[in-house]
Amino acid sequence: MIRSNRNDGSRFIACAGFPKCRFSEALDDALEACAARIAALEGELRAERDSTLMMPANAVAKSLRELIALSHPDKWPGNPLAHEVCSRLTDLRARVAA
């Protein structure tokens, strides 16, 4: 999740259990853009699931492939969040394909 520092207003990334979970990392603009695209895709998938019209499978697959390529850990060396994002996207892609 993207959080804000109470003292200076700077933004950072932390898990949903923060502050009990102490994971936090500086916010990277490119990673923030990736997170926004993931959230938008999840929203679209949720909306499509709830409607009678289904999003074409090839459009979903293409969006997921693009996001996996963008968040791939090779592009973010030493960033554990990139690995987590890529893993979750790969799992989502497998569930959508099933």
Protein backbone atom coordinates (compact mmCIF):
# COMPACT_ATOMS: atom_id res chain seq x y z
CA MET A 1 0.00 0.00 0.00
CA ILE A 2 1.10 3.57 -0.58
CA ARG A 3 1.29 5.45 2.71
CA SER A 4 2.18 8.99 3.78
CA ASN A 5 4.67 9.98 6.45
CA ARG A 6 2.84 11.94 9.15
CA ASN A 7 5.82 14.20 9.81
CA ASP A 8 6.84 15.36 6.36
CA GLY A 9 4.09 14.08 4.05
CA SER A 10 6.50 12.00 1.98
CA ARG A 11 5.01 8.87 0.48
CA PHE A 12 6.36 5.35 0.86
CA ILE A 13 5.31 1.74 0.25
CA ALA A 14 4.35 -0.50 3.17
CA CYS A 15 2.33 -3.65 3.64
CA ALA A 16 -1.32 -3.54 4.74
CA GLY A 17 -0.28 -4.53 8.27
CA PHE A 18 1.96 -1.49 8.76
CA PRO A 19 3.09 -0.46 11.43
CA LYS A 20 2.90 -3.95 12.99
CA CYS A 21 4.56 -5.30 9.87
CA ARG A 22 7.74 -3.24 9.61
CA PHE A 23 8.25 -3.66 5.85
CA SER A 24 8.52 -0.29 4.14
CA GLU A 25 10.35 1.03 1.12
CA ALA A 26 10.84 4.36 -0.60
CA LEU A 27 8.27 5.11 -3.30
CA ASP A 28 9.57 4.87 -6.83
CA ASP A 29 7.56 6.72 -9.52
CA ALA A 30 7.78 3.86 -12.02
CA LEU A 31 6.73 1.34 -9.37
CA GLU A 32 3.85 3.63 -8.36
CA ALA A 33 2.68 3.70 -12.00
CA CYS A 34 2.85 -0.10 -12.07
CA ALA A 35 0.79 -0.33 -8.87
CA ALA A 36 -1.82 2.04 -10.33
CA ARG A 37 -2.11 -0.09 -13.47
CA ILE A 38 -2.49 -3.24 -11.35
CA ALA A 39 -5.22 -1.62 -9.27
CA ALA A 40 -7.02 -0.45 -12.41
CA LEU A 41 -6.83 -3.92 -13.95
CA GLU A 42 -8.14 -5.54 -10.78
CA GLY A 43 -11.02 -3.06 -10.78
CA GLU A 44 -11.80 -3.83 -14.42
CA LEU A 45 -11.70 -7.56 -13.76
CA ARG A 46 -14.01 -7.15 -10.76
CA ALA A 47 -16.43 -5.01 -12.79
CA GLU A 48 -16.38 -7.43 -15.71
CA ARG A 49 -17.00 -10.38 -13.42
CA ASP A 50 -20.00 -8.59 -11.94
CA SER A 51 -21.48 -7.61 -15.30
CA THR A 52 -23.04 -9.74 -17.98
CA LEU A 53 -20.44 -8.68 -20.54
CA MET A 54 -17.09 -10.39 -20.16
CA MET A 55 -13.78 -8.74 -20.99
CA PRO A 56 -12.15 -10.60 -23.91
CA ALA A 57 -9.66 -13.14 -22.58
CA ASN A 58 -6.97 -11.94 -24.97
CA ALA A 59 -7.27 -8.36 -23.63
CA VAL A 60 -6.85 -9.59 -20.05
CA ALA A 61 -3.91 -11.79 -21.02
CA LYS A 62 -2.22 -8.90 -22.85
CA SER A 63 -2.65 -6.53 -19.90
CA LEU A 64 -1.27 -9.10 -17.48
CA ARG A 65 1.72 -9.86 -19.73
CA GLU A 66 2.53 -6.13 -19.94
CA LEU A 67 2.30 -5.72 -16.16
CA ILE A 68 4.44 -8.80 -15.51
CA ALA A 69 7.08 -7.46 -17.90
CA LEU A 70 6.98 -4.03 -16.22
CA SER A 71 7.25 -5.41 -12.69
CA HIS A 72 9.71 -8.23 -13.42
CA PRO A 73 12.39 -8.42 -10.70
CA ASP A 74 15.17 -8.23 -13.31
CA LYS A 75 14.16 -4.60 -13.86
CA TRP A 76 14.18 -3.87 -10.10
CA PRO A 77 17.32 -5.58 -8.74
CA GLY A 78 17.35 -5.91 -4.97
CA ASN A 79 13.70 -4.87 -4.66
CA PRO A 80 11.63 -7.48 -2.79
CA LEU A 81 8.40 -5.67 -3.66
CA ALA A 82 9.00 -6.19 -7.38
CA HIS A 83 9.32 -9.93 -6.78
CA GLU A 84 6.07 -9.95 -4.79
CA VAL A 85 4.19 -7.93 -7.42
CA CYS A 86 5.43 -10.16 -10.24
CA SER A 87 4.50 -13.32 -8.30
CA ARG A 88 0.99 -12.06 -7.60
CA LEU A 89 0.47 -11.04 -11.21
CA THR A 90 1.65 -14.44 -12.40
CA ASP A 91 -0.82 -16.11 -10.00
CA LEU A 92 -3.61 -13.82 -11.21
CA ARG A 93 -2.75 -14.68 -14.81
CA ALA A 94 -2.98 -18.40 -14.01
CA ARG A 95 -6.37 -17.95 -12.30
CA VAL A 96 -7.75 -15.91 -15.19
CA ALA A 97 -6.55 -18.47 -17.74
CA ALA A 98 -8.18 -21.35 -15.84
